[in-house]
C-alpha cells in the first residue's frame, strides 16, 4: 500500500510539473498579440486614371482659315494649339498663341469630315506622342493621356469642333512602393495546431490589430490576399510565440494584395 501511495504521489508531482511548464494556447490569459495589415492593389485599374478626350471633327466648309482648338499635356508639360491652314489663302493664319506649341493642319473647303479628321490625326501623331496616344474612328479622334493625373481640360477654342473630356484623369490613390494600412480588414487567429481559425477581428483605421486575453504558446495570425493570377483569396500567415504572461508580442506586418 505504501508503495502504491508513493507511486501515486510521484505521478501527481510529475503531472503538476508537466502541466505548469506546458504552454497551452488560447484565451483566458493576460497576454496579447498585435500587428498591422498593409496592402497594395493587384490591378493597375486601382492606380489612377488616364484622361480621355474625344474630338469630333467637322468638314472643310465648316472651318475658317486660322481657326484652332486647344490641347493640354500633363501638369507642367506641353501646351498645344491645333490650327487649320487653307493653302488657298495668301495670309498666314497661324494665331501664334503665346506659351503654346502650334500644330498646323492643312485642309480644303472641299474636304469631308473624315479627310479633315485624318489630316488632324496625322499632325497630332508627330507632335503629341510624348503626352498622348491617339486613335481615329471615322471623324472622331480619341486622345488618351500617357500620365495618370488630372490635366487641364482640352477646349474647342474658336473652331466648330466638339471637344469632350470623356474621362477625367486622376492621380494614383496608391503607391506600390509605399503600401497603405488596410482599414477594416479582417484578421484571423489560430491557437496552436488548430486547422481553422479560433477567433477574428477587423483592423483599425491604419490597419492595426490586437488580440488580447491570450495565454503563452504558439499562434498563427493571417489575413487574406488576392492572388494576382487567379483572383482567389489566399491566407498570408505569420507565426507568433507568446513566451511570458502579461506580455504583448508584435506579429509585425502582414502584407497583402487587394
Protein backbone atom coordinates (compact mmCIF):
# COMPACT_ATOMS: atom_id res chain seq x y z
CA UNK A 1 0.00 0.00 0.00
CA UNK A 2 2.81 2.40 0.90
CA UNK A 3 4.48 1.64 -2.41
CA UNK A 4 1.24 2.39 -4.28
CA UNK A 5 0.73 5.70 -2.42
CA UNK A 6 4.34 6.72 -3.15
CA UNK A 7 3.93 5.84 -6.81
CA UNK A 8 0.68 7.83 -6.97
CA UNK A 9 2.34 10.82 -5.32
CA UNK A 10 5.21 10.74 -7.82
CA UNK A 11 2.74 10.64 -10.69
CA UNK A 12 0.85 13.61 -9.30
CA UNK A 13 4.10 15.58 -8.89
CA UNK A 14 5.16 14.78 -12.46
CA UNK A 15 1.73 15.75 -13.77
CA UNK A 16 1.80 19.03 -11.82
CA UNK A 17 5.28 19.94 -13.11
CA UNK A 18 4.40 18.99 -16.67
CA UNK A 19 1.17 20.98 -16.61
CA UNK A 20 2.79 24.04 -15.10
CA UNK A 21 5.52 24.09 -17.78
CA UNK A 22 3.34 23.33 -20.79
CA UNK A 23 2.17 26.34 -22.81
CA UNK A 24 -1.50 25.96 -23.58
CA UNK A 25 -2.58 28.36 -26.33
CA UNK A 26 -5.93 30.03 -26.12
CA UNK A 27 -8.00 32.61 -24.27
CA UNK A 28 -8.15 33.40 -20.59
CA UNK A 29 -4.62 34.74 -20.19
CA UNK A 30 -3.13 38.20 -19.77
CA UNK A 31 -1.01 38.41 -22.92
CA UNK A 32 -1.69 39.95 -26.33
CA UNK A 33 -0.61 39.81 -29.99
CA UNK A 34 -0.54 42.96 -32.05
CA UNK A 35 0.38 43.75 -35.65
CA UNK A 36 -0.59 45.63 -38.77
CA UNK A 37 -2.02 44.67 -42.18
CA UNK A 38 -0.70 46.65 -45.14
CA UNK A 39 -1.64 46.23 -48.78
CA UNK A 40 -1.11 47.18 -52.41
CA UNK A 41 -3.63 46.83 -55.26
CA UNK A 42 -3.41 43.85 -57.59
CA UNK A 43 -4.90 45.65 -60.57
CA UNK A 44 -3.44 48.72 -62.28
CA UNK A 45 -7.08 49.86 -62.56
CA UNK A 46 -6.67 50.96 -58.96
CA UNK A 47 -3.66 53.11 -59.85
CA UNK A 48 -5.23 56.30 -61.12
CA UNK A 49 -7.00 57.10 -64.39
CA UNK A 50 -5.91 58.42 -67.78
CA UNK A 51 -7.61 61.45 -69.25
CA UNK A 52 -9.55 60.54 -72.39
CA UNK A 53 -10.56 63.22 -74.91
CA UNK A 54 -12.89 62.81 -77.90
CA UNK A 55 -12.57 65.34 -80.71
CA UNK A 56 -15.34 65.27 -83.31
CA UNK A 57 -14.09 66.95 -86.48
CA UNK A 58 -16.17 68.95 -88.98
CA UNK A 59 -15.95 69.07 -92.78
CA UNK A 60 -13.92 71.72 -94.61
CA UNK A 61 -16.82 74.10 -95.28
CA UNK A 62 -17.36 74.42 -91.50
CA UNK A 63 -13.77 75.58 -90.89
CA UNK A 64 -12.24 79.00 -91.37
CA UNK A 65 -8.57 79.60 -92.18
CA UNK A 66 -6.70 80.12 -88.88
CA UNK A 67 -9.28 78.59 -86.53
CA UNK A 68 -7.93 76.41 -83.73
CA UNK A 69 -8.64 74.21 -80.71
CA UNK A 70 -6.58 73.74 -77.54
CA UNK A 71 -4.92 70.67 -76.06
CA UNK A 72 -3.02 70.47 -72.78
CA UNK A 73 -0.40 67.96 -71.76
CA UNK A 74 0.25 66.82 -68.21
CA UNK A 75 0.59 69.42 -65.49
CA UNK A 76 3.89 71.19 -66.07
CA UNK A 77 4.11 69.70 -69.57
CA UNK A 78 3.50 70.96 -73.08
CA UNK A 79 0.53 73.09 -74.13
CA UNK A 80 -0.68 72.95 -77.74
CA UNK A 81 -2.97 74.70 -80.17
CA UNK A 82 -4.09 72.86 -83.29
CA UNK A 83 -4.81 75.31 -86.09
CA UNK A 84 -6.18 74.87 -89.60
CA UNK A 85 -4.46 76.19 -92.68
CA UNK A 86 -6.15 76.53 -96.06
CA UNK A 87 -3.33 76.75 -98.64
CA UNK A 88 -5.54 78.82 -100.98
CA UNK A 89 -5.28 81.73 -98.58
CA UNK A 90 -2.33 84.05 -99.06
CA UNK A 91 -2.27 85.33 -95.48
CA UNK A 92 -0.65 83.42 -92.63
CA UNK A 93 -3.46 82.04 -90.50
CA UNK A 94 -1.26 80.92 -87.59
CA UNK A 95 -2.74 82.57 -84.44
CA UNK A 96 0.66 82.21 -82.71
CA UNK A 97 -0.74 81.69 -79.23
CA UNK A 98 1.87 82.59 -76.61
CA UNK A 99 3.15 79.76 -74.42
CA UNK A 100 1.78 77.04 -76.72
CA UNK A 101 3.16 74.83 -79.46
CA UNK A 102 1.33 75.27 -82.76
CA UNK A 103 0.33 72.19 -84.77
CA UNK A 104 -0.70 73.03 -88.33
CA UNK A 105 -3.36 71.01 -90.14
CA UNK A 106 -3.86 71.65 -93.87
CA UNK A 107 -7.39 71.40 -95.22
CA UNK A 108 -9.52 72.40 -98.23
CA UNK A 109 -13.10 73.54 -98.19
CA UNK A 110 -13.95 70.52 -100.33
CA UNK A 111 -12.68 68.06 -97.71
CA UNK A 112 -15.25 65.93 -95.93
CA UNK A 113 -15.06 65.45 -92.18
CA UNK A 114 -13.21 62.11 -92.33
CA UNK A 115 -10.50 63.67 -94.52
CA UNK A 116 -10.08 66.58 -92.09
CA UNK A 117 -10.02 64.09 -89.21
CA UNK A 118 -7.31 62.03 -90.91
CA UNK A 119 -5.18 65.14 -91.55
CA UNK A 120 -5.63 66.20 -87.94
CA UNK A 121 -4.78 62.73 -86.66
CA UNK A 122 -1.58 62.59 -88.73
CA UNK A 123 -0.47 66.01 -87.49
CA UNK A 124 -1.13 65.09 -83.87
CA UNK A 125 0.79 61.82 -84.04
CA UNK A 126 4.02 63.63 -84.91
CA UNK A 127 3.71 66.25 -82.17
CA UNK A 128 1.92 64.99 -79.04
CA UNK A 129 3.21 61.42 -78.71
CA UNK A 130 5.09 62.30 -75.50
CA UNK A 131 1.79 63.29 -73.84
CA UNK A 132 -0.94 61.27 -75.58
CA UNK A 133 -1.73 58.13 -77.51
CA UNK A 134 -4.23 58.65 -80.33
CA UNK A 135 -6.74 56.63 -82.32
CA UNK A 136 -9.10 57.52 -85.16
CA UNK A 137 -12.61 56.27 -85.89
CA UNK A 138 -14.29 57.96 -88.86
CA UNK A 139 -14.41 61.64 -87.83
CA UNK A 140 -13.70 61.11 -84.11
CA UNK A 141 -10.18 61.35 -82.72
CA UNK A 142 -9.58 59.83 -79.28
CA UNK A 143 -6.62 61.12 -77.27
CA UNK A 144 -5.56 59.32 -74.11
CA UNK A 145 -3.06 60.89 -71.75
CA UNK A 146 0.02 58.83 -71.00
CA UNK A 147 0.26 60.01 -67.40
CA UNK A 148 -2.44 59.40 -64.84
CA UNK A 149 -3.29 62.78 -63.44
CA UNK A 150 -5.93 65.47 -63.65
CA UNK A 151 -4.72 67.59 -66.58
CA UNK A 152 -6.20 70.91 -67.73
CA UNK A 153 -9.22 70.23 -69.96
CA UNK A 154 -8.94 70.47 -73.73
CA UNK A 155 -11.06 73.19 -75.33
CA UNK A 156 -12.58 73.82 -78.77
CA UNK A 157 -11.03 77.31 -78.91
CA UNK A 158 -12.76 79.21 -81.72
CA UNK A 159 -13.49 76.28 -84.04
CA UNK A 160 -16.79 74.45 -84.50
CA UNK A 161 -15.49 71.08 -83.27
CA UNK A 162 -16.83 69.07 -80.32
CA UNK A 163 -14.02 68.60 -77.82
CA UNK A 164 -15.25 66.40 -74.99
CA UNK A 165 -13.41 65.08 -71.93
CA UNK A 166 -14.81 61.55 -71.85
CA UNK A 167 -12.85 60.54 -68.76
CA UNK A 168 -11.24 62.88 -66.27
CA UNK A 169 -7.68 61.95 -65.39
CA UNK A 170 -6.94 61.14 -61.77
CA UNK A 171 -3.65 60.57 -59.95
CA UNK A 172 -2.93 57.23 -58.37
CA UNK A 173 -4.55 56.77 -54.98
CA UNK A 174 -1.97 54.17 -54.11
CA UNK A 175 1.79 53.92 -54.27
CA UNK A 176 3.06 50.39 -54.81
CA UNK A 177 6.34 51.32 -53.12
CA UNK A 178 4.51 52.52 -50.00
CA UNK A 179 1.66 50.11 -49.15
CA UNK A 180 -1.29 51.54 -47.28
CA UNK A 181 -2.69 50.38 -43.95
CA UNK A 182 -5.67 48.13 -44.62
CA UNK A 183 -8.51 49.63 -42.60
CA UNK A 184 -11.48 47.44 -41.66
CA UNK A 185 -9.72 44.30 -42.95
CA UNK A 186 -10.40 41.01 -41.17
CA UNK A 187 -7.53 39.26 -39.38
CA UNK A 188 -7.70 35.69 -38.10
CA UNK A 189 -6.03 33.99 -35.11
CA UNK A 190 -5.25 30.26 -34.83
CA UNK A 191 -4.43 28.64 -31.49
CA UNK A 192 -1.55 26.15 -31.60
CA UNK A 193 -2.06 23.38 -34.16
CA UNK A 194 -5.72 24.08 -34.91
CA UNK A 195 -6.65 23.61 -38.54
CA UNK A 196 -9.12 26.50 -38.64
CA UNK A 197 -9.13 29.93 -37.03
CA UNK A 198 -10.33 30.30 -33.44
CA UNK A 199 -11.15 34.00 -33.45
CA UNK A 200 -11.04 37.00 -35.75
CA UNK A 201 -11.29 40.77 -35.67
CA UNK A 202 -11.26 43.78 -38.00
CA UNK A 203 -8.34 46.16 -38.25
CA UNK A 204 -8.44 49.79 -37.21
CA UNK A 205 -8.12 52.87 -39.41
CA UNK A 206 -4.40 52.31 -40.04
CA UNK A 207 -4.57 48.54 -40.42
CA UNK A 208 -3.60 47.79 -36.80
CA UNK A 209 -4.97 44.87 -34.80
CA UNK A 210 -4.58 43.47 -31.27
CA UNK A 211 -5.75 40.10 -29.96
CA UNK A 212 -5.97 40.27 -26.17
CA UNK A 213 -6.55 37.87 -23.26
CA UNK A 214 -4.22 35.12 -24.50
CA UNK A 215 -2.08 32.51 -22.77
CA UNK A 216 1.59 31.84 -23.59
CA UNK A 217 2.03 29.50 -26.52
CA UNK A 218 2.35 29.27 -30.30
CA UNK A 219 -0.16 31.10 -32.52
CA UNK A 220 -0.69 31.97 -36.15
CA UNK A 221 -2.26 35.17 -37.43
CA UNK A 222 -3.30 35.69 -41.02
CA UNK A 223 -5.14 37.96 -43.42
CA UNK A 224 -6.45 37.21 -46.90
CA UNK A 225 -4.61 38.38 -50.02
CA UNK A 226 -5.81 38.36 -53.64
CA UNK A 227 -3.81 36.13 -55.98
CA UNK A 228 -2.90 38.34 -58.99
CA UNK A 229 -3.14 35.39 -61.40
CA UNK A 230 -6.36 33.69 -60.31
CA UNK A 231 -8.14 36.33 -58.24
CA UNK A 232 -8.55 33.80 -55.42
CA UNK A 233 -8.16 34.90 -51.80
CA UNK A 234 -5.22 33.20 -50.11
CA UNK A 235 -4.05 33.48 -46.49
CA UNK A 236 -0.80 35.23 -45.58
CA UNK A 237 0.41 33.71 -42.30
CA UNK A 238 2.60 35.00 -39.50
CA UNK A 239 3.73 32.63 -36.73
CA UNK A 240 3.88 34.20 -33.28
CA UNK A 241 5.04 32.84 -29.94
CA UNK A 242 3.95 34.33 -26.63
CA UNK A 243 6.64 33.45 -24.10
CA UNK A 244 5.52 35.33 -20.99
CA UNK A 245 2.31 36.10 -19.18
CA UNK A 246 1.25 39.73 -19.32
CA UNK A 247 3.36 40.41 -22.42
CA UNK A 248 2.50 41.99 -25.79
CA UNK A 249 4.07 40.19 -28.76
CA UNK A 250 4.44 42.02 -32.07
CA UNK A 251 3.48 39.98 -35.13
CA UNK A 252 4.91 42.69 -37.40
CA UNK A 253 3.47 43.48 -40.82
CA UNK A 254 1.15 41.23 -42.80
CA UNK A 255 1.48 42.31 -46.43
CA UNK A 256 -1.46 41.57 -48.72
CA UNK A 257 -2.74 42.49 -52.16
CA UNK A 258 -6.30 43.58 -52.80
